[in-house]
Amino acid sequence: MDIEKILRSVVAVRASIPDNAFTAGTLGTRREGSGVVIRENGLVLTIGYLITEAEDVWLTCQDGRVVPAHALAYDQESGFGLVQAMAPLDLPALQIGDSATATLGDPVILADGEGEYVRGNIVAKQEFAGYWEYLLDEAIFIAPAHPSWGGAALIDTEGKLLGVGSLRLQMSKGGEIADINMVVPVNLLKPILDDLLNRGEFNRRPRPWLGAMSAESNGEVVVMSVTENGPAAQAGLKRGDVISEIRDGEVDGLADFYRKIWDSGPPGAEIPMRILRDGREAWLRVKSADRNDFLRKPQLQ
């Protein structure tokens, strides 16, 4: 594997977001990370939170060239984002691999747009539930962790792209704590890519969204915060509430909570939930929404 050639296909991504954007308060107005060139025409795959509601996007190549770009699409379910360079990048496209065939222990490289990379191994492939109403049936986890993981390219021994870096987490094993990276598998991109390019989104029914940041504690779902003016806030859900039941089904952890919400009908449907607050039980009815309705949209050009 020619690592120097591969690194040329990974670029730095810098995005500016308006102060009044919906995600400005949580994700910031200046976001920096990485992306990987997946087509010769300058199409770049990155992690979506870098470019959500972006007004300006710039790509920096390994040789220092800075190229303006356009935030083309962001897919809520996978977490992927697409950026189109608005001037020639003159960079090779990294070949897309098969993340389904990657196995535990496989050696990998996680490379960022600054030319830095970490050699590591796949330490887990398993379900991942994120606090922001996000769920992957099977995410890839690698160690050691890359310090600049957002949008970094996960590369196998054949020099093919396996996924894009999303988070830095900690894993406990044998009484020791290790930093790891969570990576979104590239196979999630394959069935949605054409729609993202042609429509700016994948043609699927949007998931109902609550606007509740939640965590799992000993199998219980605990609300950490609610989005101002979001569905959960309007229904009266508060920090510290324990969500124990959706409709007539008990909630068994964060992933189960999300699946029950998403199975409750289209956005706009009322979702009854039983909560435990200060030792007392109560029922709330949350009228869900489409999260995309709250976001500034990328404009197709």
Protein backbone atom coordinates (compact mmCIF):
# COMPACT_ATOMS: atom_id res chain seq x y z
CA MET A 1 0.00 0.00 0.00
CA ASP A 2 1.37 3.40 -1.07
CA ILE A 3 0.46 5.51 1.97
CA GLU A 4 1.74 8.74 0.44
CA LYS A 5 -0.52 8.29 -2.59
CA ILE A 6 -3.49 7.48 -0.37
CA LEU A 7 -2.94 10.55 1.81
CA ARG A 8 -3.26 12.77 -1.26
CA SER A 9 -6.91 11.72 -1.51
CA VAL A 10 -7.69 12.91 2.02
CA VAL A 11 -8.35 16.65 2.35
CA ALA A 12 -9.00 19.06 5.19
CA VAL A 13 -12.56 20.39 5.41
CA ARG A 14 -13.42 23.78 6.89
CA ALA A 15 -17.00 25.01 7.09
CA SER A 16 -18.60 28.29 8.21
CA ILE A 17 -22.13 28.21 9.60
CA PRO A 18 -24.40 31.25 10.13
CA ASP A 19 -24.86 32.41 13.71
CA ASN A 20 -28.62 31.90 13.44
CA ALA A 21 -28.38 28.31 12.14
CA PHE A 22 -30.25 25.69 14.15
CA THR A 23 -27.05 23.74 14.97
CA ALA A 24 -24.82 26.77 15.60
CA GLY A 25 -25.26 26.57 19.36
CA THR A 26 -24.42 22.87 19.66
CA LEU A 27 -21.90 22.28 16.87
CA GLY A 28 -20.41 25.77 16.53
CA THR A 29 -20.17 28.16 13.61
CA ARG A 30 -16.67 27.15 12.53
CA ARG A 31 -16.09 23.46 11.99
CA GLU A 32 -12.93 21.71 10.88
CA GLY A 33 -12.22 18.11 10.01
CA SER A 34 -11.40 15.94 7.04
CA GLY A 35 -12.92 14.33 3.96
CA VAL A 36 -11.89 11.84 1.31
CA VAL A 37 -12.10 12.23 -2.47
CA ILE A 38 -14.32 9.45 -3.84
CA ARG A 39 -14.71 10.64 -7.44
CA GLU A 40 -12.28 12.23 -9.85
CA ASN A 41 -14.60 15.22 -10.33
CA GLY A 42 -13.88 16.41 -6.78
CA LEU A 43 -16.70 14.72 -4.88
CA VAL A 44 -15.66 14.43 -1.23
CA LEU A 45 -17.17 12.18 1.43
CA THR A 46 -17.07 13.49 4.99
CA ILE A 47 -18.96 13.24 8.26
CA GLY A 48 -22.18 15.17 8.09
CA TYR A 49 -21.96 17.26 11.26
CA LEU A 50 -19.05 19.20 9.75
CA ILE A 51 -21.19 20.61 6.94
CA THR A 52 -24.72 20.70 8.40
CA GLU A 53 -26.18 24.13 7.54
CA ALA A 54 -22.83 25.26 6.11
CA GLU A 55 -22.76 28.59 4.29
CA ASP A 56 -19.17 28.30 3.07
CA VAL A 57 -16.97 25.22 2.69
CA TRP A 58 -13.27 25.13 1.85
CA LEU A 59 -11.08 22.13 1.07
CA THR A 60 -7.34 22.16 1.70
CA CYS A 61 -5.18 19.69 -0.20
CA GLN A 62 -2.03 18.09 1.17
CA ASP A 63 0.09 20.42 -0.99
CA GLY A 64 -1.53 23.48 0.62
CA ARG A 65 -3.94 24.40 -2.17
CA VAL A 66 -7.29 25.75 -0.90
CA VAL A 67 -10.35 25.09 -3.05
CA PRO A 68 -13.90 26.40 -2.51
CA ALA A 69 -16.58 23.74 -2.19
CA HIS A 70 -20.31 23.28 -1.84
CA ALA A 71 -22.16 21.30 0.86
CA LEU A 72 -24.09 18.97 -1.40
CA ALA A 73 -25.94 16.64 0.98
CA TYR A 74 -26.21 15.40 4.55
CA ASP A 75 -27.87 12.08 5.36
CA GLN A 76 -29.29 12.03 8.88
CA GLU A 77 -29.55 8.26 9.20
CA SER A 78 -26.03 7.27 8.17
CA GLY A 79 -24.34 10.48 9.30
CA PHE A 80 -22.50 10.94 5.99
CA GLY A 81 -22.04 14.27 4.26
CA LEU A 82 -21.06 15.01 0.66
CA VAL A 83 -19.08 18.02 -0.51
CA GLN A 84 -18.47 19.01 -4.13
CA ALA A 85 -15.29 20.93 -4.97
CA MET A 86 -16.08 24.01 -7.05
CA ALA A 87 -12.66 24.08 -8.71
CA PRO A 88 -10.41 21.24 -9.89
CA LEU A 89 -8.80 19.29 -7.06
CA ASP A 90 -6.64 17.24 -9.43
CA LEU A 91 -6.56 14.46 -6.83
CA PRO A 92 -7.06 10.73 -7.26
CA ALA A 93 -10.26 9.19 -5.96
CA LEU A 94 -9.85 6.61 -3.22
CA GLN A 95 -11.39 3.29 -4.15
CA ILE A 96 -14.38 2.32 -2.01
CA GLY A 97 -13.95 -0.99 -0.22
CA ASP A 98 -16.35 -3.43 1.44
CA SER A 99 -16.81 -2.66 5.14
CA ALA A 100 -18.92 -5.79 5.60
CA THR A 101 -15.89 -8.02 5.05
CA ALA A 102 -13.72 -6.19 7.61
CA THR A 103 -13.23 -8.32 10.71
CA LEU A 104 -12.00 -7.92 14.26
CA GLY A 105 -8.26 -7.53 14.48
CA ASP A 106 -7.84 -6.33 10.89
CA PRO A 107 -5.03 -3.75 10.57
CA VAL A 108 -6.26 -0.36 9.36
CA ILE A 109 -5.14 3.23 8.95
CA LEU A 110 -7.16 6.29 9.96
CA ALA A 111 -5.88 9.32 8.03
CA ASP A 112 -6.83 12.99 8.34
CA GLY A 113 -6.61 15.92 5.96
CA GLU A 114 -3.45 17.28 7.58
CA GLY A 115 -1.43 14.27 6.46
CA GLU A 116 -1.41 12.64 9.88
CA TYR A 117 -2.44 9.02 10.28
CA VAL A 118 -2.71 6.33 12.92
CA ARG A 119 -2.05 2.66 12.35
CA GLY A 120 -4.44 0.55 14.37
CA ASN A 121 -6.79 -2.39 14.38
CA ILE A 122 -10.52 -2.99 14.33
CA VAL A 123 -11.46 -3.75 17.94
CA ALA A 124 -15.25 -4.03 17.55
CA LYS A 125 -18.09 -4.07 15.03
CA GLN A 126 -21.34 -3.55 16.88
CA GLU A 127 -24.47 -1.48 17.37
CA PHE A 128 -23.99 2.15 18.32
CA ALA A 129 -26.64 4.49 19.75
CA GLY A 130 -25.72 8.19 19.90
CA TYR A 131 -27.30 10.66 22.30
CA TRP A 132 -28.52 12.86 19.41
CA GLU A 133 -31.20 10.36 18.21
CA TYR A 134 -28.76 8.42 16.04
CA LEU A 135 -28.35 4.68 15.64
CA LEU A 136 -26.11 2.42 13.59
CA ASP A 137 -26.85 -1.30 13.48
CA GLU A 138 -23.14 -1.98 13.11
CA ALA A 139 -20.47 0.66 13.54
CA ILE A 140 -16.72 0.07 13.28
CA PHE A 141 -14.48 0.80 16.26
CA ILE A 142 -10.70 1.08 16.01
CA ALA A 143 -7.80 1.56 18.40
CA PRO A 144 -5.62 3.40 19.06
CA ALA A 145 -7.65 6.56 18.51
CA HIS A 146 -6.77 9.31 16.06
CA PRO A 147 -6.77 12.75 17.77
CA SER A 148 -8.34 14.35 14.66
CA TRP A 149 -11.06 11.87 13.83
CA GLY A 150 -13.92 13.90 12.32
CA GLY A 151 -14.24 12.93 8.67
CA ALA A 152 -10.94 11.01 8.68
CA ALA A 153 -10.63 8.14 6.20
CA LEU A 154 -10.50 4.55 7.46
CA ILE A 155 -8.35 2.58 5.03
CA ASP A 156 -7.71 -1.17 4.77
CA THR A 157 -4.46 -2.93 3.84
CA GLU A 158 -5.40 -2.77 0.14
CA GLY A 159 -5.69 1.01 0.27
CA LYS A 160 -9.49 0.99 0.01
CA LEU A 161 -11.92 3.15 1.96
CA LEU A 162 -13.80 1.33 4.75
CA GLY A 163 -15.50 4.27 6.43
CA VAL A 164 -15.34 7.80 7.82
CA GLY A 165 -14.43 8.80 11.37
CA SER A 166 -17.22 10.15 13.56
CA LEU A 167 -16.36 10.07 17.26
CA ARG A 168 -13.71 9.52 19.88
CA LEU A 169 -14.87 7.28 22.73
CA GLN A 170 -13.46 5.20 25.54
CA MET A 171 -13.51 1.44 25.90
CA SER A 172 -12.96 -0.54 29.08
CA LYS A 173 -11.29 -3.93 28.81
CA GLY A 174 -9.59 -5.91 31.53
CA GLY A 175 -9.84 -2.99 33.92
CA GLU A 176 -8.00 -0.66 31.54
CA ILE A 177 -9.46 2.33 29.69
CA ALA A 178 -8.48 2.90 26.06
CA ASP A 179 -9.41 5.67 23.62
CA ILE A 180 -11.07 4.41 20.45
CA ASN A 181 -12.66 5.92 17.33
CA MET A 182 -16.12 5.14 16.03
CA VAL A 183 -16.27 4.98 12.25
CA VAL A 184 -19.35 5.01 9.99
CA PRO A 185 -19.06 2.03 7.58
CA VAL A 186 -18.79 2.98 3.91
CA ASN A 187 -21.30 0.30 2.88
CA LEU A 188 -24.04 2.57 4.24
CA LEU A 189 -23.17 5.02 1.46
CA LYS A 190 -23.58 2.66 -1.48
CA PRO A 191 -27.40 2.40 -1.62
CA ILE A 192 -27.98 6.11 -1.00
CA LEU A 193 -25.22 7.76 -3.05
CA ASP A 194 -27.16 8.28 -6.29
CA ASP A 195 -30.08 9.89 -4.47
CA LEU A 196 -27.76 12.15 -2.47
CA LEU A 197 -26.13 13.33 -5.68
CA ASN A 198 -29.35 13.82 -7.64
CA ARG A 199 -31.79 14.92 -4.93
CA GLY A 200 -29.65 16.13 -2.04
CA GLU A 201 -31.26 13.47 0.17
CA PHE A 202 -32.15 9.79 0.12
CA ASN A 203 -35.70 9.01 -0.95
CA ARG A 204 -37.04 7.57 2.30
CA ARG A 205 -39.68 8.57 4.81
CA PRO A 206 -38.05 10.85 7.40
CA ARG A 207 -37.83 9.57 10.94
CA PRO A 208 -39.84 11.25 13.69
CA TRP A 209 -37.59 13.46 15.81
CA LEU A 210 -38.05 14.53 19.43
CA GLY A 211 -35.18 16.93 20.08
CA ALA A 212 -34.09 15.05 23.18
CA MET A 213 -30.47 14.32 24.03
CA SER A 214 -30.48 11.06 25.97
CA ALA A 215 -28.08 8.60 27.54
CA GLU A 216 -28.33 5.02 28.76
CA SER A 217 -27.61 4.27 32.41
CA ASN A 218 -27.96 0.70 33.64
CA GLY A 219 -30.41 0.00 30.85
CA GLU A 220 -32.51 3.11 31.55
CA VAL A 221 -32.91 6.01 29.14
CA VAL A 222 -32.20 9.31 30.89
CA VAL A 223 -32.82 12.71 29.29
CA MET A 224 -29.69 14.87 29.40
CA SER A 225 -31.16 17.93 27.69
CA VAL A 226 -33.89 18.99 25.27
CA THR A 227 -33.63 21.23 22.23
CA GLU A 228 -35.14 24.65 22.77
CA ASN A 229 -38.53 24.88 21.05
CA GLY A 230 -38.20 21.27 19.89
CA PRO A 231 -40.99 18.69 20.21
CA ALA A 232 -39.72 17.26 23.52
CA ALA A 233 -39.38 20.70 25.11
CA GLN A 234 -42.85 21.73 23.98
CA ALA A 235 -44.31 18.55 25.50
CA GLY A 236 -42.65 19.25 28.85
CA LEU A 237 -39.86 16.66 28.82
CA LYS A 238 -37.01 17.76 31.10
CA ARG A 239 -33.43 16.99 31.99
CA GLY A 240 -33.27 14.03 34.38
CA ASP A 241 -36.50 12.41 33.22
CA VAL A 242 -36.28 8.63 32.86
CA ILE A 243 -38.23 7.35 29.86
CA SER A 244 -39.62 3.94 30.75
CA GLU A 245 -42.35 3.24 28.20
CA ILE A 246 -43.37 4.23 24.67
CA ARG A 247 -47.07 3.67 23.96
CA ASP A 248 -47.61 0.24 25.55
CA GLY A 249 -44.05 -1.05 25.26
CA GLU A 250 -41.33 -0.88 27.90
CA VAL A 251 -38.10 0.78 26.84
CA ASP A 252 -35.07 -1.50 26.96
CA GLY A 253 -32.09 0.79 26.48
CA LEU A 254 -31.29 3.67 24.15
CA ALA A 255 -31.33 1.72 20.87
CA ASP A 256 -34.72 0.22 21.71
CA PHE A 257 -36.02 3.69 22.61
CA TYR A 258 -35.03 5.03 19.19
CA ARG A 259 -36.52 2.10 17.32
CA LYS A 260 -39.82 2.47 19.18
CA ILE A 261 -39.93 6.20 18.36
CA TRP A 262 -39.15 5.60 14.69
CA ASP A 263 -41.79 2.87 14.47
CA SER A 264 -44.45 5.22 15.87
CA GLY A 265 -45.47 6.67 12.52
CA PRO A 266 -44.36 9.61 10.37
CA PRO A 267 -43.15 12.94 11.78
CA GLY A 268 -46.07 14.81 13.26
CA ALA A 269 -47.52 11.77 15.01
CA GLU A 270 -48.15 12.05 18.75
CA ILE A 271 -46.03 9.66 20.79
CA PRO A 272 -47.18 8.85 24.33
CA MET A 273 -44.38 8.08 26.75
CA ARG A 274 -44.24 7.21 30.42
CA ILE A 275 -41.56 9.00 32.41
CA LEU A 276 -40.22 8.86 35.93
CA ARG A 277 -39.53 12.30 37.42
CA ASP A 278 -38.50 12.90 41.04
CA GLY A 279 -39.81 9.49 42.03
CA ARG A 280 -43.21 9.96 40.40
CA GLU A 281 -44.57 8.51 37.18
CA ALA A 282 -46.32 10.59 34.55
CA TRP A 283 -47.39 10.33 30.92
CA LEU A 284 -46.46 12.86 28.25
CA ARG A 285 -47.59 13.12 24.65
CA VAL A 286 -44.84 14.35 22.34
CA LYS A 287 -45.79 15.51 18.86
CA SER A 288 -42.76 14.48 16.83
CA ALA A 289 -41.28 16.48 13.96
CA ASP A 290 -38.99 16.14 10.97
CA ARG A 291 -35.56 17.34 12.08
CA ASN A 292 -34.78 18.47 8.54
CA ASP A 293 -37.49 21.11 8.81
CA PHE A 294 -35.35 22.89 11.41
CA LEU A 295 -32.18 22.94 9.29
CA ARG A 296 -30.90 25.21 6.56
CA LYS A 297 -30.73 23.11 3.39
CA PRO A 298 -27.75 22.72 1.05
CA GLN A 299 -28.62 24.29 -2.28
CA LEU A 300 -28.08 22.13 -5.35
CA GLN A 301 -25.95 23.90 -7.93
